[in-house]
Amino acid sequence: MEITASRKKQLRRKAHHLKPAVLIGQKGLTPAVVAAVEEGLSHHELIKVRFGGCDRGERDRIASSLIGATDATSVQQIGFTLTLFRRNEEHPKIRFAD
C-alpha cells in the first residue's frame, strides 16, 4: 500500500512516542518475528520494530523482507528502528487529517 507524503508525515508524528513493539535479535527474521509484527499491525496499525546488532545491509534486507511478508508500508527507518504501517480495513484506528 502506497501512502502520500503528507500522510507519512502524520504517521511519523504519531509514531514518535511509540516504543518498539517487536525486537529482532541474532536469529534475524524468523516466523515468530513475522507473526509478532502481523499481530502488532492488526491491533495497532502503526508499530516500531527494533533491530539487534546487525550491519546496515542486513537491516535493509530484513526490513525489505518484513515489509513484503506483512504487506506493510515503511513510514521511516532511522538507525536500528523501523516504523511500519498497515491499515486495518475492518477496524481502522488511525484517522488522517486530509
PDB file of N, CA and C in Angstrom:
ATOM      1  N   MET A   1       0.847  -1.177   0.000  1.00  0.00           N
ATOM      2  CA  MET A   1       0.000   0.000   0.000  1.00  0.00           C
ATOM      3  C   MET A   1       0.895   1.244   0.000  1.00  0.00           C
ATOM      4  N   GLU A   2       0.693   2.108  -0.937  1.00  0.00           N
ATOM      5  CA  GLU A   2       1.469   3.343  -1.023  1.00  0.00           C
ATOM      6  C   GLU A   2       0.688   4.462  -0.340  1.00  0.00           C
ATOM      7  N   ILE A   3       1.367   5.276   0.454  1.00  0.00           N
ATOM      8  CA  ILE A   3       0.704   6.389   1.122  1.00  0.00           C
ATOM      9  C   ILE A   3       1.372   7.687   0.697  1.00  0.00           C
ATOM     10  N   THR A   4       0.624   8.766   0.789  1.00  0.00           N
ATOM     11  CA  THR A   4       1.118  10.070   0.352  1.00  0.00           C
ATOM     12  C   THR A   4       2.154  10.616   1.344  1.00  0.00           C
ATOM     13  N   ALA A   5       2.902  11.585   0.891  1.00  0.00           N
ATOM     14  CA  ALA A   5       3.931  12.203   1.730  1.00  0.00           C
ATOM     15  C   ALA A   5       3.317  12.880   2.954  1.00  0.00           C
ATOM     16  N   SER A   6       2.164  13.504   2.779  1.00  0.00           N
ATOM     17  CA  SER A   6       1.548  14.189   3.922  1.00  0.00           C
ATOM     18  C   SER A   6       1.052  13.177   4.958  1.00  0.00           C
ATOM     19  N   ARG A   7       0.557  12.033   4.499  1.00  0.00           N
ATOM     20  CA  ARG A   7       0.126  11.001   5.444  1.00  0.00           C
ATOM     21  C   ARG A   7       1.328  10.371   6.143  1.00  0.00           C
ATOM     22  N   LYS A   8       2.432  10.195   5.428  1.00  0.00           N
ATOM     23  CA  LYS A   8       3.638   9.678   6.064  1.00  0.00           C
ATOM     24  C   LYS A   8       4.105  10.619   7.165  1.00  0.00           C
ATOM     25  N   LYS A   9       4.010  11.903   6.902  1.00  0.00           N
ATOM     26  CA  LYS A   9       4.406  12.899   7.896  1.00  0.00           C
ATOM     27  C   LYS A   9       3.513  12.784   9.140  1.00  0.00           C
ATOM     28  N   GLN A  10       2.223  12.611   8.938  1.00  0.00           N
ATOM     29  CA  GLN A  10       1.302  12.437  10.055  1.00  0.00           C
ATOM     30  C   GLN A  10       1.621  11.165  10.841  1.00  0.00           C
ATOM     31  N   LEU A  11       1.947  10.090  10.128  1.00  0.00           N
ATOM     32  CA  LEU A  11       2.281   8.831  10.780  1.00  0.00           C
ATOM     33  C   LEU A  11       3.588   8.941  11.564  1.00  0.00           C
ATOM     34  N   ARG A  12       4.579   9.624  11.014  1.00  0.00           N
ATOM     35  CA  ARG A  12       5.827   9.829  11.746  1.00  0.00           C
ATOM     36  C   ARG A  12       5.568  10.586  13.043  1.00  0.00           C
ATOM     37  N   ARG A  13       4.690  11.579  12.971  1.00  0.00           N
ATOM     38  CA  ARG A  13       4.343  12.355  14.159  1.00  0.00           C
ATOM     39  C   ARG A  13       3.672  11.458  15.206  1.00  0.00           C
ATOM     40  N   LYS A  14       2.760  10.604  14.773  1.00  0.00           N
ATOM     41  CA  LYS A  14       2.062   9.701  15.703  1.00  0.00           C
ATOM     42  C   LYS A  14       3.003   8.649  16.272  1.00  0.00           C
ATOM     43  N   ALA A  15       3.992   8.225  15.491  1.00  0.00           N
ATOM     44  CA  ALA A  15       4.896   7.161  15.918  1.00  0.00           C
ATOM     45  C   ALA A  15       6.010   7.653  16.832  1.00  0.00           C
ATOM     46  N   HIS A  16       6.208   8.944  16.901  1.00  0.00           N
ATOM     47  CA  HIS A  16       7.340   9.493  17.645  1.00  0.00           C
ATOM     48  C   HIS A  16       7.405   8.967  19.082  1.00  0.00           C
ATOM     49  N   HIS A  17       6.305   8.903  19.766  1.00  0.00           N
ATOM     50  CA  HIS A  17       6.290   8.499  21.168  1.00  0.00           C
ATOM     51  C   HIS A  17       6.245   6.982  21.371  1.00  0.00           C
ATOM     52  N   LEU A  18       6.049   6.202  20.316  1.00  0.00           N
ATOM     53  CA  LEU A  18       5.902   4.759  20.444  1.00  0.00           C
ATOM     54  C   LEU A  18       7.220   4.077  20.834  1.00  0.00           C
ATOM     55  N   LYS A  19       7.098   3.039  21.624  1.00  0.00           N
ATOM     56  CA  LYS A  19       8.231   2.170  21.934  1.00  0.00           C
ATOM     57  C   LYS A  19       8.210   1.019  20.937  1.00  0.00           C
ATOM     58  N   PRO A  20       9.359   0.410  20.633  1.00  0.00           N
ATOM     59  CA  PRO A  20       9.370  -0.734  19.716  1.00  0.00           C
ATOM     60  C   PRO A  20       8.494  -1.873  20.233  1.00  0.00           C
ATOM     61  N   ALA A  21       7.631  -2.382  19.361  1.00  0.00           N
ATOM     62  CA  ALA A  21       6.723  -3.468  19.722  1.00  0.00           C
ATOM     63  C   ALA A  21       7.370  -4.828  19.495  1.00  0.00           C
ATOM     64  N   VAL A  22       8.303  -4.895  18.560  1.00  0.00           N
ATOM     65  CA  VAL A  22       8.957  -6.155  18.202  1.00  0.00           C
ATOM     66  C   VAL A  22      10.463  -5.912  18.152  1.00  0.00           C
ATOM     67  N   LEU A  23      11.216  -6.838  18.723  1.00  0.00           N
ATOM     68  CA  LEU A  23      12.670  -6.774  18.693  1.00  0.00           C
ATOM     69  C   LEU A  23      13.191  -7.927  17.841  1.00  0.00           C
ATOM     70  N   ILE A  24      14.055  -7.629  16.891  1.00  0.00           N
ATOM     71  CA  ILE A  24      14.650  -8.656  16.039  1.00  0.00           C
ATOM     72  C   ILE A  24      16.055  -8.915  16.554  1.00  0.00           C
ATOM     73  N   GLY A  25      16.290 -10.151  16.997  1.00  0.00           N
ATOM     74  CA  GLY A  25      17.564 -10.493  17.619  1.00  0.00           C
ATOM     75  C   GLY A  25      18.551 -11.129  16.666  1.00  0.00           C
ATOM     76  N   GLN A  26      19.439 -11.950  17.222  1.00  0.00           N
ATOM     77  CA  GLN A  26      20.524 -12.564  16.472  1.00  0.00           C
ATOM     78  C   GLN A  26      20.041 -13.522  15.388  1.00  0.00           C
ATOM     79  N   LYS A  27      18.906 -14.153  15.593  1.00  0.00           N
ATOM     80  CA  LYS A  27      18.404 -15.122  14.617  1.00  0.00           C
ATOM     81  C   LYS A  27      17.777 -14.454  13.400  1.00  0.00           C
ATOM     82  N   GLY A  28      17.612 -13.150  13.454  1.00  0.00           N
ATOM     83  CA  GLY A  28      17.084 -12.411  12.315  1.00  0.00           C
ATOM     84  C   GLY A  28      15.587 -12.575  12.137  1.00  0.00           C
ATOM     85  N   LEU A  29      15.166 -12.631  10.886  1.00  0.00           N
ATOM     86  CA  LEU A  29      13.747 -12.680  10.558  1.00  0.00           C
ATOM     87  C   LEU A  29      13.254 -14.122  10.625  1.00  0.00           C
ATOM     88  N   THR A  30      12.578 -14.453  11.713  1.00  0.00           N
ATOM     89  CA  THR A  30      12.042 -15.794  11.918  1.00  0.00           C
ATOM     90  C   THR A  30      10.526 -15.756  11.755  1.00  0.00           C
ATOM     91  N   PRO A  31       9.886 -16.911  11.600  1.00  0.00           N
ATOM     92  CA  PRO A  31       8.418 -16.929  11.534  1.00  0.00           C
ATOM     93  C   PRO A  31       7.758 -16.302  12.765  1.00  0.00           C
ATOM     94  N   ALA A  32       8.388 -16.444  13.925  1.00  0.00           N
ATOM     95  CA  ALA A  32       7.828 -15.846  15.147  1.00  0.00           C
ATOM     96  C   ALA A  32       7.863 -14.322  15.071  1.00  0.00           C
ATOM     97  N   VAL A  33       8.930 -13.771  14.502  1.00  0.00           N
ATOM     98  CA  VAL A  33       9.036 -12.317  14.345  1.00  0.00           C
ATOM     99  C   VAL A  33       7.966 -11.821  13.384  1.00  0.00           C
ATOM    100  N   VAL A  34       7.800 -12.515  12.263  1.00  0.00           N
ATOM    101  CA  VAL A  34       6.771 -12.119  11.285  1.00  0.00           C
ATOM    102  C   VAL A  34       5.391 -12.186  11.925  1.00  0.00           C
ATOM    103  N   ALA A  35       5.128 -13.235  12.705  1.00  0.00           N
ATOM    104  CA  ALA A  35       3.830 -13.377  13.376  1.00  0.00           C
ATOM    105  C   ALA A  35       3.606 -12.239  14.381  1.00  0.00           C
ATOM    106  N   ALA A  36       4.647 -11.862  15.115  1.00  0.00           N
ATOM    107  CA  ALA A  36       4.522 -10.774  16.087  1.00  0.00           C
ATOM    108  C   ALA A  36       4.252  -9.449  15.390  1.00  0.00           C
ATOM    109  N   VAL A  37       4.913  -9.207  14.261  1.00  0.00           N
ATOM    110  CA  VAL A  37       4.675  -7.973  13.504  1.00  0.00           C
ATOM    111  C   VAL A  37       3.263  -7.975  12.933  1.00  0.00           C
ATOM    112  N   GLU A  38       2.823  -9.112  12.396  1.00  0.00           N
ATOM    113  CA  GLU A  38       1.450  -9.229  11.881  1.00  0.00           C
ATOM    114  C   GLU A  38       0.433  -8.884  12.963  1.00  0.00           C
ATOM    115  N   GLU A  39       0.632  -9.445  14.145  1.00  0.00           N
ATOM    116  CA  GLU A  39      -0.291  -9.202  15.254  1.00  0.00           C
ATOM    117  C   GLU A  39      -0.284  -7.725  15.663  1.00  0.00           C
ATOM    118  N   GLY A  40       0.909  -7.153  15.746  1.00  0.00           N
ATOM    119  CA  GLY A  40       1.016  -5.739  16.117  1.00  0.00           C
ATOM    120  C   GLY A  40       0.339  -4.830  15.106  1.00  0.00           C
ATOM    121  N   LEU A  41       0.547  -5.105  13.826  1.00  0.00           N
ATOM    122  CA  LEU A  41      -0.086  -4.290  12.784  1.00  0.00           C
ATOM    123  C   LEU A  41      -1.600  -4.458  12.784  1.00  0.00           C
ATOM    124  N   SER A  42      -2.073  -5.668  13.041  1.00  0.00           N
ATOM    125  CA  SER A  42      -3.516  -5.907  13.072  1.00  0.00           C
ATOM    126  C   SER A  42      -4.188  -5.152  14.214  1.00  0.00           C
ATOM    127  N   HIS A  43      -3.500  -5.089  15.348  1.00  0.00           N
ATOM    128  CA  HIS A  43      -4.088  -4.426  16.511  1.00  0.00           C
ATOM    129  C   HIS A  43      -3.891  -2.917  16.527  1.00  0.00           C
ATOM    130  N   HIS A  44      -2.710  -2.462  16.104  1.00  0.00           N
ATOM    131  CA  HIS A  44      -2.361  -1.055  16.277  1.00  0.00           C
ATOM    132  C   HIS A  44      -2.213  -0.258  14.982  1.00  0.00           C
ATOM    133  N   GLU A  45      -2.030  -0.919  13.860  1.00  0.00           N
ATOM    134  CA  GLU A  45      -1.805  -0.311  12.541  1.00  0.00           C
ATOM    135  C   GLU A  45      -0.431   0.338  12.393  1.00  0.00           C
ATOM    136  N   LEU A  46       0.105   0.914  13.435  1.00  0.00           N
ATOM    137  CA  LEU A  46       1.379   1.624  13.384  1.00  0.00           C
ATOM    138  C   LEU A  46       2.270   1.082  14.491  1.00  0.00           C
ATOM    139  N   ILE A  47       3.416   0.477  14.124  1.00  0.00           N
ATOM    140  CA  ILE A  47       4.316  -0.084  15.131  1.00  0.00           C
ATOM    141  C   ILE A  47       5.759   0.239  14.775  1.00  0.00           C
ATOM    142  N   LYS A  48       6.606   0.106  15.785  1.00  0.00           N
ATOM    143  CA  LYS A  48       8.044   0.217  15.586  1.00  0.00           C
ATOM    144  C   LYS A  48       8.673  -1.153  15.798  1.00  0.00           C
ATOM    145  N   VAL A  49       9.677  -1.441  14.970  1.00  0.00           N
ATOM    146  CA  VAL A  49      10.441  -2.678  15.063  1.00  0.00           C
ATOM    147  C   VAL A  49      11.891  -2.287  15.310  1.00  0.00           C
ATOM    148  N   ARG A  50      12.521  -2.928  16.284  1.00  0.00           N
ATOM    149  CA  ARG A  50      13.915  -2.610  16.632  1.00  0.00           C
ATOM    150  C   ARG A  50      14.807  -3.773  16.221  1.00  0.00           C
ATOM    151  N   PHE A  51      15.893  -3.453  15.530  1.00  0.00           N
ATOM    152  CA  PHE A  51      16.856  -4.457  15.097  1.00  0.00           C
ATOM    153  C   PHE A  51      17.935  -4.618  16.149  1.00  0.00           C
ATOM    154  N   GLY A  52      18.419  -5.869  16.316  1.00  0.00           N
ATOM    155  CA  GLY A  52      19.551  -6.128  17.196  1.00  0.00           C
ATOM    156  C   GLY A  52      20.830  -5.692  16.508  1.00  0.00           C
ATOM    157  N   GLY A  53      21.932  -6.141  17.015  1.00  0.00           N
ATOM    158  CA  GLY A  53      23.228  -5.735  16.475  1.00  0.00           C
ATOM    159  C   GLY A  53      23.546  -6.356  15.125  1.00  0.00           C
ATOM    160  N   CYS A  54      23.089  -5.754  14.066  1.00  0.00           N
ATOM    161  CA  CYS A  54      23.444  -6.216  12.716  1.00  0.00           C
ATOM    162  C   CYS A  54      23.840  -4.996  11.886  1.00  0.00           C
ATOM    163  N   ASP A  55      24.544  -5.249  10.800  1.00  0.00           N
ATOM    164  CA  ASP A  55      25.014  -4.122   9.995  1.00  0.00           C
ATOM    165  C   ASP A  55      23.894  -3.550   9.120  1.00  0.00           C
ATOM    166  N   ARG A  56      24.177  -2.448   8.499  1.00  0.00           N
ATOM    167  CA  ARG A  56      23.176  -1.705   7.732  1.00  0.00           C
ATOM    168  C   ARG A  56      22.576  -2.527   6.590  1.00  0.00           C
ATOM    169  N   GLY A  57      23.409  -3.251   5.860  1.00  0.00           N
ATOM    170  CA  GLY A  57      22.930  -4.074   4.758  1.00  0.00           C
ATOM    171  C   GLY A  57      21.968  -5.150   5.234  1.00  0.00           C
ATOM    172  N   GLU A  58      22.292  -5.772   6.354  1.00  0.00           N
ATOM    173  CA  GLU A  58      21.416  -6.797   6.929  1.00  0.00           C
ATOM    174  C   GLU A  58      20.092  -6.188   7.387  1.00  0.00           C
ATOM    175  N   ARG A  59      20.145  -5.007   8.008  1.00  0.00           N
ATOM    176  CA  ARG A  59      18.911  -4.327   8.432  1.00  0.00           C
ATOM    177  C   ARG A  59      18.026  -4.019   7.232  1.00  0.00           C
ATOM    178  N   ASP A  60      18.620  -3.529   6.163  1.00  0.00           N
ATOM    179  CA  ASP A  60      17.845  -3.208   4.955  1.00  0.00           C
ATOM    180  C   ASP A  60      17.219  -4.459   4.353  1.00  0.00           C
ATOM    181  N   ARG A  61      17.967  -5.564   4.330  1.00  0.00           N
ATOM    182  CA  ARG A  61      17.450  -6.820   3.786  1.00  0.00           C
ATOM    183  C   ARG A  61      16.289  -7.348   4.629  1.00  0.00           C
ATOM    184  N   ILE A  62      16.463  -7.327   5.952  1.00  0.00           N
ATOM    185  CA  ILE A  62      15.401  -7.792   6.848  1.00  0.00           C
ATOM    186  C   ILE A  62      14.174  -6.892   6.721  1.00  0.00           C
ATOM    187  N   ALA A  63      14.379  -5.578   6.663  1.00  0.00           N
ATOM    188  CA  ALA A  63      13.254  -4.639   6.542  1.00  0.00           C
ATOM    189  C   ALA A  63      12.478  -4.901   5.262  1.00  0.00           C
ATOM    190  N   SER A  64      13.177  -5.093   4.166  1.00  0.00           N
ATOM    191  CA  SER A  64      12.529  -5.357   2.887  1.00  0.00           C
ATOM    192  C   SER A  64      11.728  -6.661   2.931  1.00  0.00           C
ATOM    193  N   SER A  65      12.320  -7.699   3.503  1.00  0.00           N
ATOM    194  CA  SER A  65      11.635  -8.984   3.627  1.00  0.00           C
ATOM    195  C   SER A  65      10.413  -8.875   4.530  1.00  0.00           C
ATOM    196  N   LEU A  66      10.546  -8.136   5.612  1.00  0.00           N
ATOM    197  CA  LEU A  66       9.445  -7.975   6.557  1.00  0.00           C
ATOM    198  C   LEU A  66       8.294  -7.197   5.936  1.00  0.00           C
ATOM    199  N   ILE A  67       8.607  -6.160   5.191  1.00  0.00           N
ATOM    200  CA  ILE A  67       7.575  -5.374   4.510  1.00  0.00           C
ATOM    201  C   ILE A  67       6.833  -6.239   3.496  1.00  0.00           C
ATOM    202  N   GLY A  68       7.560  -7.052   2.758  1.00  0.00           N
ATOM    203  CA  GLY A  68       6.934  -7.945   1.794  1.00  0.00           C
ATOM    204  C   GLY A  68       6.080  -9.019   2.444  1.00  0.00           C
ATOM    205  N   ALA A  69       6.553  -9.569   3.567  1.00  0.00           N
ATOM    206  CA  ALA A  69       5.832 -10.650   4.242  1.00  0.00           C
ATOM    207  C   ALA A  69       4.554 -10.166   4.921  1.00  0.00           C
ATOM    208  N   THR A  70       4.525  -8.908   5.336  1.00  0.00           N
ATOM    209  CA  THR A  70       3.366  -8.398   6.083  1.00  0.00           C
ATOM    210  C   THR A  70       2.488  -7.455   5.276  1.00  0.00           C
ATOM    211  N   ASP A  71       2.889  -7.126   4.067  1.00  0.00           N
ATOM    212  CA  ASP A  71       2.153  -6.194   3.212  1.00  0.00           C
ATOM    213  C   ASP A  71       1.986  -4.838   3.903  1.00  0.00           C
ATOM    214  N   ALA A  72       3.031  -4.431   4.614  1.00  0.00           N
ATOM    215  CA  ALA A  72       3.018  -3.158   5.329  1.00  0.00           C
ATOM    216  C   ALA A  72       3.756  -2.108   4.511  1.00  0.00           C
ATOM    217  N   THR A  73       3.666  -0.872   4.973  1.00  0.00           N
ATOM    218  CA  THR A  73       4.367   0.242   4.357  1.00  0.00           C
ATOM    219  C   THR A  73       5.391   0.776   5.350  1.00  0.00           C
ATOM    220  N   SER A  74       6.589   1.029   4.865  1.00  0.00           N
ATOM    221  CA  SER A  74       7.615   1.619   5.709  1.00  0.00           C
ATOM    222  C   SER A  74       7.342   3.116   5.826  1.00  0.00           C
ATOM    223  N   VAL A  75       7.184   3.589   7.054  1.00  0.00           N
ATOM    224  CA  VAL A  75       6.984   5.012   7.298  1.00  0.00           C
ATOM    225  C   VAL A  75       8.336   5.695   7.391  1.00  0.00           C
ATOM    226  N   GLN A  76       9.263   5.060   8.125  1.00  0.00           N
ATOM    227  CA  GLN A  76      10.625   5.574   8.203  1.00  0.00           C
ATOM    228  C   GLN A  76      11.524   4.513   8.816  1.00  0.00           C
ATOM    229  N   GLN A  77      12.806   4.634   8.518  1.00  0.00           N
ATOM    230  CA  GLN A  77      13.814   3.774   9.121  1.00  0.00           C
ATOM    231  C   GLN A  77      14.971   4.660   9.534  1.00  0.00           C
ATOM    232  N   ILE A  78      15.193   4.716  10.835  1.00  0.00           N
ATOM    233  CA  ILE A  78      16.283   5.514  11.378  1.00  0.00           C
ATOM    234  C   ILE A  78      17.137   4.591  12.236  1.00  0.00           C
ATOM    235  N   GLY A  79      18.364   4.400  11.823  1.00  0.00           N
ATOM    236  CA  GLY A  79      19.277   3.554  12.577  1.00  0.00           C
ATOM    237  C   GLY A  79      18.742   2.148  12.744  1.00  0.00           C
ATOM    238  N   PHE A  80      18.542   1.741  13.979  1.00  0.00           N
ATOM    239  CA  PHE A  80      18.099   0.391  14.283  1.00  0.00           C
ATOM    240  C   PHE A  80      16.583   0.279  14.445  1.00  0.00           C
ATOM    241  N   THR A  81      15.840   1.315  14.104  1.00  0.00           N
ATOM    242  CA  THR A  81      14.398   1.312  14.302  1.00  0.00           C
ATOM    243  C   THR A  81      13.659   1.521  12.988  1.00  0.00           C
ATOM    244  N   LEU A  82      12.699   0.640  12.730  1.00  0.00           N
ATOM    245  CA  LEU A  82      11.859   0.693  11.537  1.00  0.00           C
ATOM    246  C   LEU A  82      10.426   0.938  11.979  1.00  0.00           C
ATOM    247  N   THR A  83       9.753   1.901  11.362  1.00  0.00           N
ATOM    248  CA  THR A  83       8.349   2.176  11.661  1.00  0.00           C
ATOM    249  C   THR A  83       7.508   1.673  10.501  1.00  0.00           C
ATOM    250  N   LEU A  84       6.502   0.835  10.823  1.00  0.00           N
ATOM    251  CA  LEU A  84       5.645   0.222   9.816  1.00  0.00           C
ATOM    252  C   LEU A  84       4.192   0.614  10.019  1.00  0.00           C
ATOM    253  N   PHE A  85       3.457   0.689   8.907  1.00  0.00           N
ATOM    254  CA  PHE A  85       2.030   0.998   8.944  1.00  0.00           C
ATOM    255  C   PHE A  85       1.300   0.047   8.004  1.00  0.00           C
ATOM    256  N   ARG A  86       0.164  -0.458   8.469  1.00  0.00           N
ATOM    257  CA  ARG A  86      -0.743  -1.216   7.616  1.00  0.00           C
ATOM    258  C   ARG A  86      -2.165  -0.948   8.093  1.00  0.00           C
ATOM    259  N   ARG A  87      -2.982  -0.434   7.194  1.00  0.00           N
ATOM    260  CA  ARG A  87      -4.370  -0.090   7.512  1.00  0.00           C
ATOM    261  C   ARG A  87      -5.162  -1.358   7.832  1.00  0.00           C
ATOM    262  N   ASN A  88      -5.907  -1.337   8.927  1.00  0.00           N
ATOM    263  CA  ASN A  88      -6.844  -2.392   9.276  1.00  0.00           C
ATOM    264  C   ASN A  88      -8.188  -1.977   8.687  1.00  0.00           C
ATOM    265  N   GLU A  89      -8.557  -2.579   7.575  1.00  0.00           N
ATOM    266  CA  GLU A  89      -9.760  -2.165   6.845  1.00  0.00           C
ATOM    267  C   GLU A  89     -11.040  -2.377   7.645  1.00  0.00           C
ATOM    268  N   GLU A  90     -11.096  -3.421   8.477  1.00  0.00           N
ATOM    269  CA  GLU A  90     -12.300  -3.711   9.260  1.00  0.00           C
ATOM    270  C   GLU A  90     -12.481  -2.750  10.428  1.00  0.00           C
ATOM    271  N   HIS A  91     -11.381  -2.435  11.101  1.00  0.00           N
ATOM    272  CA  HIS A  91     -11.430  -1.576  12.291  1.00  0.00           C
ATOM    273  C   HIS A  91     -10.295  -0.557  12.255  1.00  0.00           C
ATOM    274  N   PRO A  92     -10.382   0.448  11.396  1.00  0.00           N
ATOM    275  CA  PRO A  92      -9.297   1.438  11.324  1.00  0.00           C
ATOM    276  C   PRO A  92      -9.178   2.228  12.633  1.00  0.00           C
ATOM    277  N   LYS A  93      -7.947   2.422  13.078  1.00  0.00           N
ATOM    278  CA  LYS A  93      -7.707   3.142  14.324  1.00  0.00           C
ATOM    279  C   LYS A  93      -7.130   4.528  14.085  1.00  0.00           C
ATOM    280  N   ILE A  94      -6.376   4.686  13.005  1.00  0.00           N
ATOM    281  CA  ILE A  94      -5.714   5.964  12.731  1.00  0.00           C
ATOM    282  C   ILE A  94      -6.532   6.751  11.717  1.00  0.00           C
ATOM    283  N   ARG A  95      -6.844   7.962  12.089  1.00  0.00           N
ATOM    284  CA  ARG A  95      -7.571   8.876  11.199  1.00  0.00           C
ATOM    285  C   ARG A  95      -6.572   9.889  10.654  1.00  0.00           C
ATOM    286  N   PHE A  96      -6.703  10.185   9.375  1.00  0.00           N
ATOM    287  CA  PHE A  96      -5.814  11.157   8.751  1.00  0.00           C
ATOM    288  C   PHE A  96      -6.521  12.500   8.634  1.00  0.00           C
ATOM    289  N   ALA A  97      -5.724  13.574   8.739  1.00  0.00           N
ATOM    290  CA  ALA A  97      -6.268  14.936   8.703  1.00  0.00           C
ATOM    291  C   ALA A  97      -6.728  15.338   7.296  1.00  0.00           C
ATOM    292  N   ASP A  98      -6.144  14.743   6.258  1.00  0.00           N
ATOM    293  CA  ASP A  98      -6.515  15.166   4.896  1.00  0.00           C
ATOM    294  C   ASP A  98      -7.578  14.309   4.283  1.00  0.00           C
TER     295      ASP A  98
END
